[in-house]
Protein backbone atom coordinates (compact mmCIF):
# COMPACT_ATOMS: atom_id res chain seq x y z
CA MET A 1 0.33 -0.10 -0.07
CA ASP A 2 0.91 3.33 -0.97
CA ILE A 3 0.87 5.95 1.66
CA PRO A 4 1.57 9.68 0.34
CA ALA A 5 4.23 11.86 1.90
CA LEU A 6 3.69 12.07 5.82
CA ARG A 7 5.17 14.16 8.38
CA LEU A 8 3.39 13.44 11.97
CA SER A 9 4.17 14.85 15.44
CA ILE A 10 2.79 13.23 18.15
CA PHE A 11 3.47 15.28 21.66
CA PHE A 12 3.23 13.85 24.89
CA PHE A 13 -0.05 13.74 26.43
CA SER A 14 -1.77 14.39 22.95
CA CYS A 15 -4.61 12.01 21.68
CA ILE A 16 -4.75 11.07 17.84
CA CYS A 17 -7.52 9.34 16.20
CA ASN A 18 -7.25 7.88 12.67
CA THR A 19 -10.25 7.32 11.07
CA GLY A 20 -10.88 5.84 7.80
CA PRO A 21 -12.88 3.69 5.46
CA ASN A 22 -11.58 -0.23 5.47
CA GLY A 23 -8.62 -0.36 3.52
CA SER A 24 -7.69 3.24 3.79
CA GLY A 25 -4.60 2.15 5.73
CA LYS A 26 -5.07 2.52 9.28
CA SER A 27 -3.49 -0.30 10.31
CA THR A 28 -0.63 0.06 8.09
CA LEU A 29 0.04 3.36 9.38
CA LEU A 30 0.11 2.44 13.06
CA GLN A 31 2.49 -0.58 12.39
CA PHE A 32 4.94 2.21 10.87
CA ILE A 33 4.28 4.30 13.73
CA ALA A 34 5.07 0.78 16.19
CA GLY A 35 8.18 -0.23 14.15
CA ALA A 36 6.50 -3.32 13.06
CA LEU A 37 6.42 -2.32 9.23
CA MET A 38 9.69 -0.41 7.56
CA PRO A 39 8.92 2.20 4.80
CA SER A 40 9.69 1.04 1.50
CA GLU A 41 10.68 4.78 0.82
CA GLY A 42 11.24 7.57 3.62
CA LYS A 43 12.06 7.28 6.88
CA ILE A 44 10.39 6.91 10.73
CA ALA A 45 12.49 8.76 13.44
CA TYR A 46 11.51 9.36 16.73
CA HIS A 47 12.80 12.39 18.84
CA ASN A 48 11.79 13.76 22.67
CA LYS A 49 10.84 16.54 23.74
CA ASN A 50 14.45 17.80 23.61
CA GLY A 51 14.87 16.80 19.63
CA GLU A 52 17.13 13.98 21.06
CA SER A 53 16.79 10.57 18.44
CA ILE A 54 15.03 7.71 20.38
CA THR A 55 16.52 4.42 18.60
CA GLU A 56 14.22 2.23 21.04
CA PHE A 57 11.23 3.40 20.31
CA TYR A 58 9.37 -0.12 21.06
CA SER A 59 10.44 0.30 24.62
CA LEU A 60 8.21 3.17 25.42
CA LEU A 61 5.07 1.68 23.58
CA SER A 62 2.17 -0.68 23.68
CA ILE A 63 0.24 -2.01 21.41
CA ALA A 64 -3.02 -3.78 21.11
CA ALA A 65 -4.55 -4.70 18.02
CA PRO A 66 -6.46 -8.22 16.75
CA TYR A 67 -3.81 -9.29 14.70
CA LEU A 68 -1.25 -9.63 17.48
CA GLU A 69 -1.10 -13.02 18.58
CA THR A 70 -0.67 -14.30 22.20
CA VAL A 71 1.11 -17.71 22.67
CA GLU A 72 -1.68 -19.90 23.07
CA GLU A 73 0.05 -22.72 25.15
CA MET A 74 0.87 -20.35 27.78
CA THR A 75 -1.52 -20.12 30.66
CA ALA A 76 -2.32 -16.28 31.13
CA ASN A 77 -0.70 -16.19 34.09
CA GLU A 78 2.22 -17.31 32.36
CA PHE A 79 1.96 -15.16 29.54
CA PHE A 80 2.10 -12.14 31.55
CA ARG A 81 4.85 -12.93 33.62
CA VAL A 82 6.71 -13.36 30.33
CA HIS A 83 5.66 -10.20 28.92
CA HIS A 84 6.52 -8.33 31.82
CA LYS A 85 9.87 -9.44 31.81
CA PHE A 86 10.03 -7.17 28.73
CA LYS A 87 8.20 -4.56 29.80
CA PRO A 88 7.29 -3.63 33.23
CA LEU A 89 3.90 -3.60 34.96
CA VAL A 90 2.35 -0.17 35.60
CA THR A 91 3.85 0.44 39.43
CA GLY A 92 1.82 -1.08 41.88
CA LEU A 93 -0.25 -3.66 39.62
CA THR A 94 0.26 -7.37 40.18
CA VAL A 95 -0.51 -10.05 37.41
CA SER A 96 -3.41 -11.20 39.65
CA GLN A 97 -4.76 -7.74 40.04
CA ILE A 98 -4.55 -7.79 36.12
CA LEU A 99 -6.60 -10.69 35.33
CA GLU A 100 -8.81 -10.21 38.27
CA LYS A 101 -9.52 -6.73 36.71
CA VAL A 102 -10.25 -8.20 33.27
CA GLY A 103 -12.73 -11.39 34.60
CA LEU A 104 -9.66 -14.00 33.94
CA LEU A 105 -8.59 -14.85 37.27
CA GLU A 106 -10.94 -18.37 37.24
CA ALA A 107 -9.05 -18.97 34.10
CA ALA A 108 -5.85 -17.95 34.90
CA ASN A 109 -3.87 -21.39 34.61
CA LYS A 110 -6.02 -22.40 31.67
CA GLN A 111 -4.07 -22.61 28.53
CA ILE A 112 -5.25 -19.19 26.31
CA ARG A 113 -5.66 -21.56 23.34
CA TYR A 114 -8.72 -22.54 25.04
CA TYR A 115 -10.40 -19.13 25.68
CA SER A 116 -12.96 -17.55 23.96
CA SER A 117 -12.44 -15.10 21.25
CA GLY A 118 -13.49 -12.37 23.67
CA MET A 119 -11.27 -13.73 26.38
CA LYS A 120 -8.19 -13.48 23.85
CA GLN A 121 -9.09 -9.91 23.36
CA ARG A 122 -9.27 -9.07 27.06
CA VAL A 123 -5.69 -10.80 27.00
CA LYS A 124 -4.35 -8.40 24.25
CA LEU A 125 -5.79 -5.12 26.12
CA ALA A 126 -4.66 -5.82 29.36
CA GLN A 127 -0.76 -6.36 28.20
CA ALA A 128 -0.91 -3.20 26.12
CA PHE A 129 -2.97 -1.38 29.42
CA CYS A 130 -1.11 -3.08 31.95
CA SER A 131 2.35 -2.15 30.79
CA ASP A 132 4.60 0.90 32.05
CA THR A 133 4.73 2.79 28.95
CA PRO A 134 4.38 6.08 27.99
CA VAL A 135 2.55 5.67 24.56
CA TYR A 136 -0.29 3.32 23.66
CA CYS A 137 -1.73 2.26 20.46
CA SER A 138 -4.96 0.69 19.69
CA MET A 139 -6.71 -1.24 16.81
CA ASN A 140 -9.84 -1.83 18.82
CA PRO A 141 -13.09 -0.01 19.59
CA ARG A 142 -13.45 0.94 22.89
CA PRO A 143 -14.13 -1.65 25.08
CA ILE A 144 -16.62 -0.10 28.09
CA TRP A 145 -15.00 -2.54 30.45
CA ILE A 146 -11.54 -0.68 30.09
CA PHE A 147 -12.89 1.95 31.39
CA ARG A 148 -15.22 1.07 34.17
CA GLU A 149 -12.29 -1.49 35.57
CA PHE A 150 -9.08 0.54 35.02
CA PRO A 151 -9.65 3.93 36.98
CA CYS A 152 -6.07 4.97 35.41
CA PHE A 153 -7.57 5.64 31.84
CA THR A 154 -9.89 7.91 30.51
CA ILE A 155 -11.68 8.04 26.93
CA TRP A 156 -11.07 11.67 24.77
CA TYR A 157 -12.60 11.60 21.43
CA GLY A 158 -11.98 7.94 21.12
CA THR A 159 -8.22 7.81 22.45
CA ILE A 160 -7.11 6.35 25.76
CA VAL A 161 -4.59 8.23 27.62
CA ARG A 162 -2.54 7.24 30.34
CA LYS A 163 -3.89 9.33 33.59
CA GLY A 164 -1.58 7.48 36.34
CA TRP A 165 -2.74 5.05 38.79
C-alpha cells in the first residue's frame, strides 16, 4: 500500500484518532508508527521533547490490535509473567490484579488456546494497558469494561490516555 508523504508529530499527552474506511491504511500507519513495518521509501524517526533521537522506541510503546498473537500454549499467568520481563507492569499492579480486573482470574491457569475470542482480546488489551509505557496505540473499538475497571485511563475523542494509577 502506498501512503503519501506524511510528517506526523505526536506530543506527550496528546491524543490522536486515526479514522477512515476499510482498506484506507489505518492499520498500516499504526504498524509503521510502532516499528513493526519499515517504509520502502523515506524514514521514520522518533525524537524526545528535546529533539534528541530515540533509537529504541518499541520500549516506550504498548500496542493492542486484533492481528497480534498471544502464545496460546501458555496460561494467562505465564503469558503476563513472561511479557512483563520485557516490559514492566504499571507500578503497583500484580499479574493477579490484572487478571481479576479483566475477568480472567478463574481462567488464569488455563491455556490461552482454550479461551473464547473475547477472552483472548481481553488478554491482548490488558497486556497493552498494564505495561508501564508512555505510549499506547490501539486498533480496537472502545470496550466499556476497560474504562470501568481501569481508573488509570480515560476516554477523550475515542483515544485512550494513561493518567496515572
